[in-house]
mmCIF file of all heavy atoms, coordinates in Angstrom:
data_MODEL
# 
_entry.id   MODEL 
# 
loop_
_atom_site.group_PDB 
_atom_site.id 
_atom_site.type_symbol 
_atom_site.label_atom_id 
_atom_site.label_alt_id 
_atom_site.label_comp_id 
_atom_site.label_asym_id 
_atom_site.label_entity_id 
_atom_site.label_seq_id 
_atom_site.pdbx_PDB_ins_code 
_atom_site.Cartn_x 
_atom_site.Cartn_y 
_atom_site.Cartn_z 
_atom_site.occupancy 
_atom_site.B_iso_or_equiv 
_atom_site.pdbx_formal_charge 
_atom_site.auth_seq_id 
_atom_site.auth_comp_id 
_atom_site.auth_asym_id 
_atom_site.auth_atom_id 
_atom_site.pdbx_PDB_model_num 
ATOM 1   N N   . ILE A 1 1  ? 141.953 -96.868  72.820 1.00 0.00 ? 1  ILE A N   1 
ATOM 2   C CA  . ILE A 1 1  ? 141.978 -95.899  73.819 1.00 0.00 ? 1  ILE A CA  1 
ATOM 3   C C   . ILE A 1 1  ? 143.300 -95.786  74.510 1.00 0.00 ? 1  ILE A C   1 
ATOM 4   O O   . ILE A 1 1  ? 143.921 -94.736  74.681 1.00 0.00 ? 1  ILE A O   1 
ATOM 5   C CB  . ILE A 1 1  ? 140.855 -95.976  74.864 1.00 0.00 ? 1  ILE A CB  1 
ATOM 6   C CG1 . ILE A 1 1  ? 139.520 -95.734  74.285 1.00 0.00 ? 1  ILE A CG1 1 
ATOM 7   C CG2 . ILE A 1 1  ? 141.136 -95.097  76.132 1.00 0.00 ? 1  ILE A CG2 1 
ATOM 8   C CD1 . ILE A 1 1  ? 138.279 -96.058  75.207 1.00 0.00 ? 1  ILE A CD1 1 
ATOM 9   N N   . LYS A 1 2  ? 143.853 -96.972  74.803 1.00 0.00 ? 2  LYS A N   1 
ATOM 10  C CA  . LYS A 1 2  ? 145.203 -97.041  75.487 1.00 0.00 ? 2  LYS A CA  1 
ATOM 11  C C   . LYS A 1 2  ? 146.249 -96.519  74.538 1.00 0.00 ? 2  LYS A C   1 
ATOM 12  O O   . LYS A 1 2  ? 147.176 -95.766  75.061 1.00 0.00 ? 2  LYS A O   1 
ATOM 13  C CB  . LYS A 1 2  ? 145.463 -98.433  75.929 1.00 0.00 ? 2  LYS A CB  1 
ATOM 14  C CG  . LYS A 1 2  ? 144.619 -99.089  76.966 1.00 0.00 ? 2  LYS A CG  1 
ATOM 15  C CD  . LYS A 1 2  ? 144.971 -100.455 77.330 1.00 0.00 ? 2  LYS A CD  1 
ATOM 16  C CE  . LYS A 1 2  ? 144.247 -100.978 78.407 1.00 0.00 ? 2  LYS A CE  1 
ATOM 17  N NZ  . LYS A 1 2  ? 144.515 -102.466 78.786 1.00 0.00 ? 2  LYS A NZ  1 
ATOM 18  N N   . ARG A 1 3  ? 146.206 -96.870  73.271 1.00 0.00 ? 3  ARG A N   1 
ATOM 19  C CA  . ARG A 1 3  ? 147.254 -96.414  72.314 1.00 0.00 ? 3  ARG A CA  1 
ATOM 20  C C   . ARG A 1 3  ? 147.194 -94.870  72.113 1.00 0.00 ? 3  ARG A C   1 
ATOM 21  O O   . ARG A 1 3  ? 148.268 -94.275  72.075 1.00 0.00 ? 3  ARG A O   1 
ATOM 22  C CB  . ARG A 1 3  ? 147.065 -97.092  70.955 1.00 0.00 ? 3  ARG A CB  1 
ATOM 23  C CG  . ARG A 1 3  ? 147.623 -98.557  71.027 1.00 0.00 ? 3  ARG A CG  1 
ATOM 24  C CD  . ARG A 1 3  ? 147.682 -99.036  69.538 1.00 0.00 ? 3  ARG A CD  1 
ATOM 25  N NE  . ARG A 1 3  ? 146.474 -99.136  68.891 1.00 0.00 ? 3  ARG A NE  1 
ATOM 26  C CZ  . ARG A 1 3  ? 145.675 -100.269 68.939 1.00 0.00 ? 3  ARG A CZ  1 
ATOM 27  N NH1 . ARG A 1 3  ? 146.144 -101.322 69.552 1.00 0.00 ? 3  ARG A NH1 1 
ATOM 28  N NH2 . ARG A 1 3  ? 144.516 -100.408 68.158 1.00 0.00 ? 3  ARG A NH2 1 
ATOM 29  N N   . ILE A 1 4  ? 146.059 -94.340  72.131 1.00 0.00 ? 4  ILE A N   1 
ATOM 30  C CA  . ILE A 1 4  ? 145.948 -92.916  71.992 1.00 0.00 ? 4  ILE A CA  1 
ATOM 31  C C   . ILE A 1 4  ? 146.490 -92.080  73.203 1.00 0.00 ? 4  ILE A C   1 
ATOM 32  O O   . ILE A 1 4  ? 147.096 -91.199  73.096 1.00 0.00 ? 4  ILE A O   1 
ATOM 33  C CB  . ILE A 1 4  ? 144.381 -92.463  71.652 1.00 0.00 ? 4  ILE A CB  1 
ATOM 34  C CG1 . ILE A 1 4  ? 143.937 -93.047  70.368 1.00 0.00 ? 4  ILE A CG1 1 
ATOM 35  C CG2 . ILE A 1 4  ? 144.317 -91.019  71.760 1.00 0.00 ? 4  ILE A CG2 1 
ATOM 36  C CD1 . ILE A 1 4  ? 142.509 -92.956  70.167 1.00 0.00 ? 4  ILE A CD1 1 
ATOM 37  N N   . PHE A 1 5  ? 146.219 -92.729  74.360 1.00 0.00 ? 5  PHE A N   1 
ATOM 38  C CA  . PHE A 1 5  ? 146.717 -92.182  75.633 1.00 0.00 ? 5  PHE A CA  1 
ATOM 39  C C   . PHE A 1 5  ? 148.235 -92.162  75.536 1.00 0.00 ? 5  PHE A C   1 
ATOM 40  O O   . PHE A 1 5  ? 148.946 -91.200  75.873 1.00 0.00 ? 5  PHE A O   1 
ATOM 41  C CB  . PHE A 1 5  ? 146.238 -92.863  76.864 1.00 0.00 ? 5  PHE A CB  1 
ATOM 42  C CG  . PHE A 1 5  ? 144.943 -92.357  77.447 1.00 0.00 ? 5  PHE A CG  1 
ATOM 43  C CD1 . PHE A 1 5  ? 143.871 -93.267  77.808 1.00 0.00 ? 5  PHE A CD1 1 
ATOM 44  C CD2 . PHE A 1 5  ? 144.760 -90.978  77.569 1.00 0.00 ? 5  PHE A CD2 1 
ATOM 45  C CE1 . PHE A 1 5  ? 142.717 -92.782  78.319 1.00 0.00 ? 5  PHE A CE1 1 
ATOM 46  C CE2 . PHE A 1 5  ? 143.507 -90.554  78.166 1.00 0.00 ? 5  PHE A CE2 1 
ATOM 47  C CZ  . PHE A 1 5  ? 142.528 -91.416  78.424 1.00 0.00 ? 5  PHE A CZ  1 
ATOM 48  N N   . GLU A 1 6  ? 148.886 -93.342  75.113 1.00 0.00 ? 6  GLU A N   1 
ATOM 49  C CA  . GLU A 1 6  ? 150.257 -93.517  74.985 1.00 0.00 ? 6  GLU A CA  1 
ATOM 50  C C   . GLU A 1 6  ? 150.888 -92.507  74.069 1.00 0.00 ? 6  GLU A C   1 
ATOM 51  O O   . GLU A 1 6  ? 152.059 -92.018  74.289 1.00 0.00 ? 6  GLU A O   1 
ATOM 52  C CB  . GLU A 1 6  ? 150.620 -94.937  74.633 1.00 0.00 ? 6  GLU A CB  1 
ATOM 53  C CG  . GLU A 1 6  ? 150.323 -95.950  75.666 1.00 0.00 ? 6  GLU A CG  1 
ATOM 54  C CD  . GLU A 1 6  ? 150.373 -97.376  75.216 1.00 0.00 ? 6  GLU A CD  1 
ATOM 55  O OE1 . GLU A 1 6  ? 150.655 -97.574  73.977 1.00 0.00 ? 6  GLU A OE1 1 
ATOM 56  O OE2 . GLU A 1 6  ? 150.219 -98.320  75.917 1.00 0.00 ? 6  GLU A OE2 1 
ATOM 57  N N   . ASP A 1 7  ? 150.090 -92.121  72.990 1.00 0.00 ? 7  ASP A N   1 
ATOM 58  C CA  . ASP A 1 7  ? 150.608 -91.211  72.037 1.00 0.00 ? 7  ASP A CA  1 
ATOM 59  C C   . ASP A 1 7  ? 150.547 -89.670  72.546 1.00 0.00 ? 7  ASP A C   1 
ATOM 60  O O   . ASP A 1 7  ? 151.022 -88.753  71.866 1.00 0.00 ? 7  ASP A O   1 
ATOM 61  C CB  . ASP A 1 7  ? 149.842 -91.338  70.744 1.00 0.00 ? 7  ASP A CB  1 
ATOM 62  C CG  . ASP A 1 7  ? 150.142 -92.571  69.974 1.00 0.00 ? 7  ASP A CG  1 
ATOM 63  O OD1 . ASP A 1 7  ? 151.261 -93.275  70.341 1.00 0.00 ? 7  ASP A OD1 1 
ATOM 64  O OD2 . ASP A 1 7  ? 149.341 -92.961  69.111 1.00 0.00 ? 7  ASP A OD2 1 
ATOM 65  N N   . GLY A 1 8  ? 149.865 -89.526  73.727 1.00 0.00 ? 8  GLY A N   1 
ATOM 66  C CA  . GLY A 1 8  ? 149.748 -88.181  74.228 1.00 0.00 ? 8  GLY A CA  1 
ATOM 67  C C   . GLY A 1 8  ? 148.579 -87.423  73.756 1.00 0.00 ? 8  GLY A C   1 
ATOM 68  O O   . GLY A 1 8  ? 148.563 -86.209  73.901 1.00 0.00 ? 8  GLY A O   1 
ATOM 69  N N   . ASP A 1 9  ? 147.598 -88.147  73.081 1.00 0.00 ? 9  ASP A N   1 
ATOM 70  C CA  . ASP A 1 9  ? 146.501 -87.457  72.444 1.00 0.00 ? 9  ASP A CA  1 
ATOM 71  C C   . ASP A 1 9  ? 145.274 -87.710  73.352 1.00 0.00 ? 9  ASP A C   1 
ATOM 72  O O   . ASP A 1 9  ? 145.268 -88.492  74.310 1.00 0.00 ? 9  ASP A O   1 
ATOM 73  C CB  . ASP A 1 9  ? 146.252 -87.894  70.997 1.00 0.00 ? 9  ASP A CB  1 
ATOM 74  C CG  . ASP A 1 9  ? 147.393 -87.459  70.130 1.00 0.00 ? 9  ASP A CG  1 
ATOM 75  O OD1 . ASP A 1 9  ? 147.963 -86.478  70.328 1.00 0.00 ? 9  ASP A OD1 1 
ATOM 76  O OD2 . ASP A 1 9  ? 147.665 -88.289  69.155 1.00 0.00 ? 9  ASP A OD2 1 
ATOM 77  N N   . VAL A 1 10 ? 144.154 -87.167  72.939 1.00 0.00 ? 10 VAL A N   1 
ATOM 78  C CA  . VAL A 1 10 ? 142.927 -87.327  73.729 1.00 0.00 ? 10 VAL A CA  1 
ATOM 79  C C   . VAL A 1 10 ? 142.052 -88.411  72.921 1.00 0.00 ? 10 VAL A C   1 
ATOM 80  O O   . VAL A 1 10 ? 141.653 -88.105  71.770 1.00 0.00 ? 10 VAL A O   1 
ATOM 81  C CB  . VAL A 1 10 ? 142.113 -86.070  73.905 1.00 0.00 ? 10 VAL A CB  1 
ATOM 82  C CG1 . VAL A 1 10 ? 140.792 -86.294  74.493 1.00 0.00 ? 10 VAL A CG1 1 
ATOM 83  C CG2 . VAL A 1 10 ? 142.953 -84.969  74.632 1.00 0.00 ? 10 VAL A CG2 1 
ATOM 84  N N   . PRO A 1 11 ? 141.672 -89.388  73.619 1.00 0.00 ? 11 PRO A N   1 
ATOM 85  C CA  . PRO A 1 11 ? 140.780 -90.446  72.922 1.00 0.00 ? 11 PRO A CA  1 
ATOM 86  C C   . PRO A 1 11 ? 139.314 -90.081  72.978 1.00 0.00 ? 11 PRO A C   1 
ATOM 87  O O   . PRO A 1 11 ? 138.843 -89.479  73.989 1.00 0.00 ? 11 PRO A O   1 
ATOM 88  C CB  . PRO A 1 11 ? 141.051 -91.690  73.705 1.00 0.00 ? 11 PRO A CB  1 
ATOM 89  C CG  . PRO A 1 11 ? 141.523 -91.367  74.966 1.00 0.00 ? 11 PRO A CG  1 
ATOM 90  C CD  . PRO A 1 11 ? 142.166 -89.997  74.890 1.00 0.00 ? 11 PRO A CD  1 
ATOM 91  N N   . LEU A 1 12 ? 138.595 -90.306  71.986 1.00 0.00 ? 12 LEU A N   1 
ATOM 92  C CA  . LEU A 1 12 ? 137.050 -90.090  71.982 1.00 0.00 ? 12 LEU A CA  1 
ATOM 93  C C   . LEU A 1 12 ? 136.437 -91.277  71.481 1.00 0.00 ? 12 LEU A C   1 
ATOM 94  O O   . LEU A 1 12 ? 136.832 -91.910  70.522 1.00 0.00 ? 12 LEU A O   1 
ATOM 95  C CB  . LEU A 1 12 ? 136.712 -88.878  71.122 1.00 0.00 ? 12 LEU A CB  1 
ATOM 96  C CG  . LEU A 1 12 ? 135.208 -88.628  70.948 1.00 0.00 ? 12 LEU A CG  1 
ATOM 97  C CD1 . LEU A 1 12 ? 135.078 -87.021  70.663 1.00 0.00 ? 12 LEU A CD1 1 
ATOM 98  C CD2 . LEU A 1 12 ? 134.512 -89.467  69.846 1.00 0.00 ? 12 LEU A CD2 1 
ATOM 99  N N   . ILE A 1 13 ? 135.464 -91.822  72.152 1.00 0.00 ? 13 ILE A N   1 
ATOM 100 C CA  . ILE A 1 13 ? 134.694 -93.012  71.775 1.00 0.00 ? 13 ILE A CA  1 
ATOM 101 C C   . ILE A 1 13 ? 133.225 -92.772  71.745 1.00 0.00 ? 13 ILE A C   1 
ATOM 102 O O   . ILE A 1 13 ? 132.701 -92.001  72.516 1.00 0.00 ? 13 ILE A O   1 
ATOM 103 C CB  . ILE A 1 13 ? 135.049 -94.226  72.763 1.00 0.00 ? 13 ILE A CB  1 
ATOM 104 C CG1 . ILE A 1 13 ? 134.526 -95.552  72.197 1.00 0.00 ? 13 ILE A CG1 1 
ATOM 105 C CG2 . ILE A 1 13 ? 134.528 -94.023  74.159 1.00 0.00 ? 13 ILE A CG2 1 
ATOM 106 C CD1 . ILE A 1 13 ? 135.179 -96.680  72.872 1.00 0.00 ? 13 ILE A CD1 1 
ATOM 107 N N   . ILE A 1 14 ? 132.588 -93.435  70.772 1.00 0.00 ? 14 ILE A N   1 
ATOM 108 C CA  . ILE A 1 14 ? 131.097 -93.146  70.659 1.00 0.00 ? 14 ILE A CA  1 
ATOM 109 C C   . ILE A 1 14 ? 130.469 -94.090  71.680 1.00 0.00 ? 14 ILE A C   1 
ATOM 110 O O   . ILE A 1 14 ? 130.532 -95.385  71.677 1.00 0.00 ? 14 ILE A O   1 
ATOM 111 C CB  . ILE A 1 14 ? 130.506 -93.593  69.264 1.00 0.00 ? 14 ILE A CB  1 
ATOM 112 C CG1 . ILE A 1 14 ? 131.116 -92.677  68.238 1.00 0.00 ? 14 ILE A CG1 1 
ATOM 113 C CG2 . ILE A 1 14 ? 129.041 -93.510  69.150 1.00 0.00 ? 14 ILE A CG2 1 
ATOM 114 C CD1 . ILE A 1 14 ? 130.910 -93.005  66.817 1.00 0.00 ? 14 ILE A CD1 1 
ATOM 115 N N   . ASP A 1 15 ? 129.833 -93.511  72.760 1.00 0.00 ? 15 ASP A N   1 
ATOM 116 C CA  . ASP A 1 15 ? 129.235 -94.185  73.850 1.00 0.00 ? 15 ASP A CA  1 
ATOM 117 C C   . ASP A 1 15 ? 128.283 -93.286  74.585 1.00 0.00 ? 15 ASP A C   1 
ATOM 118 O O   . ASP A 1 15 ? 128.632 -92.627  75.643 1.00 0.00 ? 15 ASP A O   1 
ATOM 119 C CB  . ASP A 1 15 ? 130.335 -94.626  74.827 1.00 0.00 ? 15 ASP A CB  1 
ATOM 120 C CG  . ASP A 1 15 ? 129.849 -95.440  75.958 1.00 0.00 ? 15 ASP A CG  1 
ATOM 121 O OD1 . ASP A 1 15 ? 128.634 -95.762  75.983 1.00 0.00 ? 15 ASP A OD1 1 
ATOM 122 O OD2 . ASP A 1 15 ? 130.670 -95.730  76.944 1.00 0.00 ? 15 ASP A OD2 1 
ATOM 123 N N   . GLU A 1 16 ? 127.049 -93.186  74.010 1.00 0.00 ? 16 GLU A N   1 
ATOM 124 C CA  . GLU A 1 16 ? 126.077 -92.303  74.555 1.00 0.00 ? 16 GLU A CA  1 
ATOM 125 C C   . GLU A 1 16 ? 125.529 -92.684  75.966 1.00 0.00 ? 16 GLU A C   1 
ATOM 126 O O   . GLU A 1 16 ? 125.174 -91.846  76.814 1.00 0.00 ? 16 GLU A O   1 
ATOM 127 C CB  . GLU A 1 16 ? 124.989 -92.157  73.522 1.00 0.00 ? 16 GLU A CB  1 
ATOM 128 C CG  . GLU A 1 16 ? 123.998 -91.027  73.901 1.00 0.00 ? 16 GLU A CG  1 
ATOM 129 C CD  . GLU A 1 16 ? 123.001 -90.795  72.708 1.00 0.00 ? 16 GLU A CD  1 
ATOM 130 O OE1 . GLU A 1 16 ? 123.121 -91.429  71.776 1.00 0.00 ? 16 GLU A OE1 1 
ATOM 131 O OE2 . GLU A 1 16 ? 122.081 -89.950  72.892 1.00 0.00 ? 16 GLU A OE2 1 
ATOM 132 N N   . LYS A 1 17 ? 125.569 -94.017  76.201 1.00 0.00 ? 17 LYS A N   1 
ATOM 133 C CA  . LYS A 1 17 ? 125.032 -94.437  77.515 1.00 0.00 ? 17 LYS A CA  1 
ATOM 134 C C   . LYS A 1 17 ? 126.068 -94.785  78.576 1.00 0.00 ? 17 LYS A C   1 
ATOM 135 O O   . LYS A 1 17 ? 125.698 -95.404  79.568 1.00 0.00 ? 17 LYS A O   1 
ATOM 136 C CB  . LYS A 1 17 ? 124.146 -95.707  77.150 1.00 0.00 ? 17 LYS A CB  1 
ATOM 137 C CG  . LYS A 1 17 ? 122.997 -95.428  76.219 1.00 0.00 ? 17 LYS A CG  1 
ATOM 138 C CD  . LYS A 1 17 ? 122.206 -96.725  76.025 1.00 0.00 ? 17 LYS A CD  1 
ATOM 139 C CE  . LYS A 1 17 ? 120.991 -96.486  75.075 1.00 0.00 ? 17 LYS A CE  1 
ATOM 140 N NZ  . LYS A 1 17 ? 120.221 -97.650  74.780 1.00 0.00 ? 17 LYS A NZ  1 
ATOM 141 N N   . CYS A 1 18 ? 127.298 -94.412  78.329 1.00 0.00 ? 18 CYS A N   1 
ATOM 142 C CA  . CYS A 1 18 ? 128.422 -94.513  79.308 1.00 0.00 ? 18 CYS A CA  1 
ATOM 143 C C   . CYS A 1 18 ? 128.605 -96.075  79.632 1.00 0.00 ? 18 CYS A C   1 
ATOM 144 O O   . CYS A 1 18 ? 128.964 -96.497  80.799 1.00 0.00 ? 18 CYS A O   1 
ATOM 145 C CB  . CYS A 1 18 ? 127.983 -93.845  80.613 1.00 0.00 ? 18 CYS A CB  1 
ATOM 146 S SG  . CYS A 1 18 ? 128.170 -92.099  80.429 1.00 0.00 ? 18 CYS A SG  1 
ATOM 147 N N   . GLU A 1 19 ? 128.462 -96.892  78.642 1.00 0.00 ? 19 GLU A N   1 
ATOM 148 C CA  . GLU A 1 19 ? 128.832 -98.344  78.820 1.00 0.00 ? 19 GLU A CA  1 
ATOM 149 C C   . GLU A 1 19 ? 130.309 -98.588  79.140 1.00 0.00 ? 19 GLU A C   1 
ATOM 150 O O   . GLU A 1 19 ? 130.505 -99.676  79.671 1.00 0.00 ? 19 GLU A O   1 
ATOM 151 C CB  . GLU A 1 19 ? 128.317 -99.144  77.577 1.00 0.00 ? 19 GLU A CB  1 
ATOM 152 C CG  . GLU A 1 19 ? 126.755 -98.915  77.303 1.00 0.00 ? 19 GLU A CG  1 
ATOM 153 C CD  . GLU A 1 19 ? 126.273 -99.651  76.052 1.00 0.00 ? 19 GLU A CD  1 
ATOM 154 O OE1 . GLU A 1 19 ? 127.258 -100.033 75.250 1.00 0.00 ? 19 GLU A OE1 1 
ATOM 155 O OE2 . GLU A 1 19 ? 125.077 -99.861  75.827 1.00 0.00 ? 19 GLU A OE2 1 
ATOM 156 N N   . ILE A 1 20 ? 131.128 -97.642  78.762 1.00 0.00 ? 20 ILE A N   1 
ATOM 157 C CA  . ILE A 1 20 ? 132.561 -97.802  79.063 1.00 0.00 ? 20 ILE A CA  1 
ATOM 158 C C   . ILE A 1 20 ? 132.789 -97.979  80.461 1.00 0.00 ? 20 ILE A C   1 
ATOM 159 O O   . ILE A 1 20 ? 133.889 -98.527  80.982 1.00 0.00 ? 20 ILE A O   1 
ATOM 160 C CB  . ILE A 1 20 ? 133.389 -96.666  78.456 1.00 0.00 ? 20 ILE A CB  1 
ATOM 161 C CG1 . ILE A 1 20 ? 134.763 -97.044  78.262 1.00 0.00 ? 20 ILE A CG1 1 
ATOM 162 C CG2 . ILE A 1 20 ? 133.235 -95.471  79.222 1.00 0.00 ? 20 ILE A CG2 1 
ATOM 163 C CD1 . ILE A 1 20 ? 135.109 -97.958  77.170 1.00 0.00 ? 20 ILE A CD1 1 
ATOM 164 N N   . LEU A 1 21 ? 131.853 -97.467  81.423 1.00 0.00 ? 21 LEU A N   1 
ATOM 165 C CA  . LEU A 1 21 ? 132.108 -97.519  82.813 1.00 0.00 ? 21 LEU A CA  1 
ATOM 166 C C   . LEU A 1 21 ? 132.075 -99.051  83.323 1.00 0.00 ? 21 LEU A C   1 
ATOM 167 O O   . LEU A 1 21 ? 132.597 -99.161  84.491 1.00 0.00 ? 21 LEU A O   1 
ATOM 168 C CB  . LEU A 1 21 ? 130.944 -96.784  83.467 1.00 0.00 ? 21 LEU A CB  1 
ATOM 169 C CG  . LEU A 1 21 ? 130.887 -95.300  83.261 1.00 0.00 ? 21 LEU A CG  1 
ATOM 170 C CD1 . LEU A 1 21 ? 129.733 -94.662  84.051 1.00 0.00 ? 21 LEU A CD1 1 
ATOM 171 C CD2 . LEU A 1 21 ? 132.196 -94.623  83.689 1.00 0.00 ? 21 LEU A CD2 1 
ATOM 172 N N   . ASP A 1 22 ? 131.754 -99.984  82.508 1.00 0.00 ? 22 ASP A N   1 
ATOM 173 C CA  . ASP A 1 22 ? 131.788 -101.351 82.901 1.00 0.00 ? 22 ASP A CA  1 
ATOM 174 C C   . ASP A 1 22 ? 133.208 -101.865 82.800 1.00 0.00 ? 22 ASP A C   1 
ATOM 175 O O   . ASP A 1 22 ? 133.696 -102.830 83.448 1.00 0.00 ? 22 ASP A O   1 
ATOM 176 C CB  . ASP A 1 22 ? 130.954 -102.236 82.018 1.00 0.00 ? 22 ASP A CB  1 
ATOM 177 C CG  . ASP A 1 22 ? 129.516 -102.044 82.205 1.00 0.00 ? 22 ASP A CG  1 
ATOM 178 O OD1 . ASP A 1 22 ? 129.148 -101.610 83.357 1.00 0.00 ? 22 ASP A OD1 1 
ATOM 179 O OD2 . ASP A 1 22 ? 128.740 -102.280 81.296 1.00 0.00 ? 22 ASP A OD2 1 
ATOM 180 N N   . GLU A 1 23 ? 134.126 -101.111 82.073 1.00 0.00 ? 23 GLU A N   1 
ATOM 181 C CA  . GLU A 1 23 ? 135.500 -101.467 81.779 1.00 0.00 ? 23 GLU A CA  1 
ATOM 182 C C   . GLU A 1 23 ? 136.462 -100.498 82.439 1.00 0.00 ? 23 GLU A C   1 
ATOM 183 O O   . GLU A 1 23 ? 137.645 -100.796 82.847 1.00 0.00 ? 23 GLU A O   1 
ATOM 184 C CB  . GLU A 1 23 ? 135.722 -101.602 80.304 1.00 0.00 ? 23 GLU A CB  1 
ATOM 185 C CG  . GLU A 1 23 ? 134.903 -102.630 79.599 1.00 0.00 ? 23 GLU A CG  1 
ATOM 186 C CD  . GLU A 1 23 ? 135.108 -102.756 78.187 1.00 0.00 ? 23 GLU A CD  1 
ATOM 187 O OE1 . GLU A 1 23 ? 136.245 -103.264 77.797 1.00 0.00 ? 23 GLU A OE1 1 
ATOM 188 O OE2 . GLU A 1 23 ? 134.354 -102.184 77.362 1.00 0.00 ? 23 GLU A OE2 1 
ATOM 189 N N   . ILE A 1 24 ? 136.183 -99.177  82.366 1.00 0.00 ? 24 ILE A N   1 
ATOM 190 C CA  . ILE A 1 24 ? 136.967 -98.133  82.977 1.00 0.00 ? 24 ILE A CA  1 
ATOM 191 C C   . ILE A 1 24 ? 136.358 -97.478  84.206 1.00 0.00 ? 24 ILE A C   1 
ATOM 192 O O   . ILE A 1 24 ? 135.179 -97.137  84.074 1.00 0.00 ? 24 ILE A O   1 
ATOM 193 C CB  . ILE A 1 24 ? 137.222 -97.052  81.883 1.00 0.00 ? 24 ILE A CB  1 
ATOM 194 C CG1 . ILE A 1 24 ? 138.101 -97.716  80.744 1.00 0.00 ? 24 ILE A CG1 1 
ATOM 195 C CG2 . ILE A 1 24 ? 138.053 -95.949  82.467 1.00 0.00 ? 24 ILE A CG2 1 
ATOM 196 C CD1 . ILE A 1 24 ? 138.408 -96.687  79.661 1.00 0.00 ? 24 ILE A CD1 1 
ATOM 197 N N   . LYS A 1 25 ? 137.095 -97.431  85.201 1.00 0.00 ? 25 LYS A N   1 
ATOM 198 C CA  . LYS A 1 25 ? 136.600 -96.743  86.465 1.00 0.00 ? 25 LYS A CA  1 
ATOM 199 C C   . LYS A 1 25 ? 137.270 -95.501  86.613 1.00 0.00 ? 25 LYS A C   1 
ATOM 200 O O   . LYS A 1 25 ? 138.316 -95.309  87.227 1.00 0.00 ? 25 LYS A O   1 
ATOM 201 C CB  . LYS A 1 25 ? 136.850 -97.657  87.685 1.00 0.00 ? 25 LYS A CB  1 
ATOM 202 C CG  . LYS A 1 25 ? 136.230 -99.077  87.587 1.00 0.00 ? 25 LYS A CG  1 
ATOM 203 C CD  . LYS A 1 25 ? 134.729 -98.917  87.383 1.00 0.00 ? 25 LYS A CD  1 
ATOM 204 C CE  . LYS A 1 25 ? 134.080 -100.355 87.195 1.00 0.00 ? 25 LYS A CE  1 
ATOM 205 N NZ  . LYS A 1 25 ? 132.693 -100.420 86.905 1.00 0.00 ? 25 LYS A NZ  1 
ATOM 206 N N   . PRO A 1 26 ? 136.725 -94.420  86.109 1.00 0.00 ? 26 PRO A N   1 
ATOM 207 C CA  . PRO A 1 26 ? 137.353 -92.968  86.241 1.00 0.00 ? 26 PRO A CA  1 
ATOM 208 C C   . PRO A 1 26 ? 137.400 -92.492  87.612 1.00 0.00 ? 26 PRO A C   1 
ATOM 209 O O   . PRO A 1 26 ? 136.557 -92.913  88.436 1.00 0.00 ? 26 PRO A O   1 
ATOM 210 C CB  . PRO A 1 26 ? 136.531 -92.157  85.331 1.00 0.00 ? 26 PRO A CB  1 
ATOM 211 C CG  . PRO A 1 26 ? 135.157 -92.780  85.366 1.00 0.00 ? 26 PRO A CG  1 
ATOM 212 C CD  . PRO A 1 26 ? 135.392 -94.268  85.518 1.00 0.00 ? 26 PRO A CD  1 
ATOM 213 N N   . ILE A 1 27 ? 138.228 -91.533  87.908 1.00 0.00 ? 27 ILE A N   1 
ATOM 214 C CA  . ILE A 1 27 ? 138.259 -90.881  89.268 1.00 0.00 ? 27 ILE A CA  1 
ATOM 215 C C   . ILE A 1 27 ? 137.265 -89.811  89.205 1.00 0.00 ? 27 ILE A C   1 
ATOM 216 O O   . ILE A 1 27 ? 136.624 -89.385  90.247 1.00 0.00 ? 27 ILE A O   1 
ATOM 217 C CB  . ILE A 1 27 ? 139.654 -90.282  89.637 1.00 0.00 ? 27 ILE A CB  1 
ATOM 218 C CG1 . ILE A 1 27 ? 140.092 -89.310  88.593 1.00 0.00 ? 27 ILE A CG1 1 
ATOM 219 C CG2 . ILE A 1 27 ? 140.666 -91.424  89.715 1.00 0.00 ? 27 ILE A CG2 1 
ATOM 220 C CD1 . ILE A 1 27 ? 141.364 -88.517  89.036 1.00 0.00 ? 27 ILE A CD1 1 
ATOM 221 N N   . ALA A 1 28 ? 136.855 -89.368  87.951 1.00 0.00 ? 28 ALA A N   1 
ATOM 222 C CA  . ALA A 1 28 ? 135.809 -88.335  87.852 1.00 0.00 ? 28 ALA A CA  1 
ATOM 223 C C   . ALA A 1 28 ? 135.112 -88.360  86.554 1.00 0.00 ? 28 ALA A C   1 
ATOM 224 O O   . ALA A 1 28 ? 135.591 -88.804  85.488 1.00 0.00 ? 28 ALA A O   1 
ATOM 225 C CB  . ALA A 1 28 ? 136.511 -86.900  87.948 1.00 0.00 ? 28 ALA A CB  1 
# 
């Protein structure tokens, strides 16, 4: 995800249950 952001693209991850929220704290 970090590398894709650095490249200026949009990252997509398979995560139907929003488990990524344990690692990333979005503003929205």
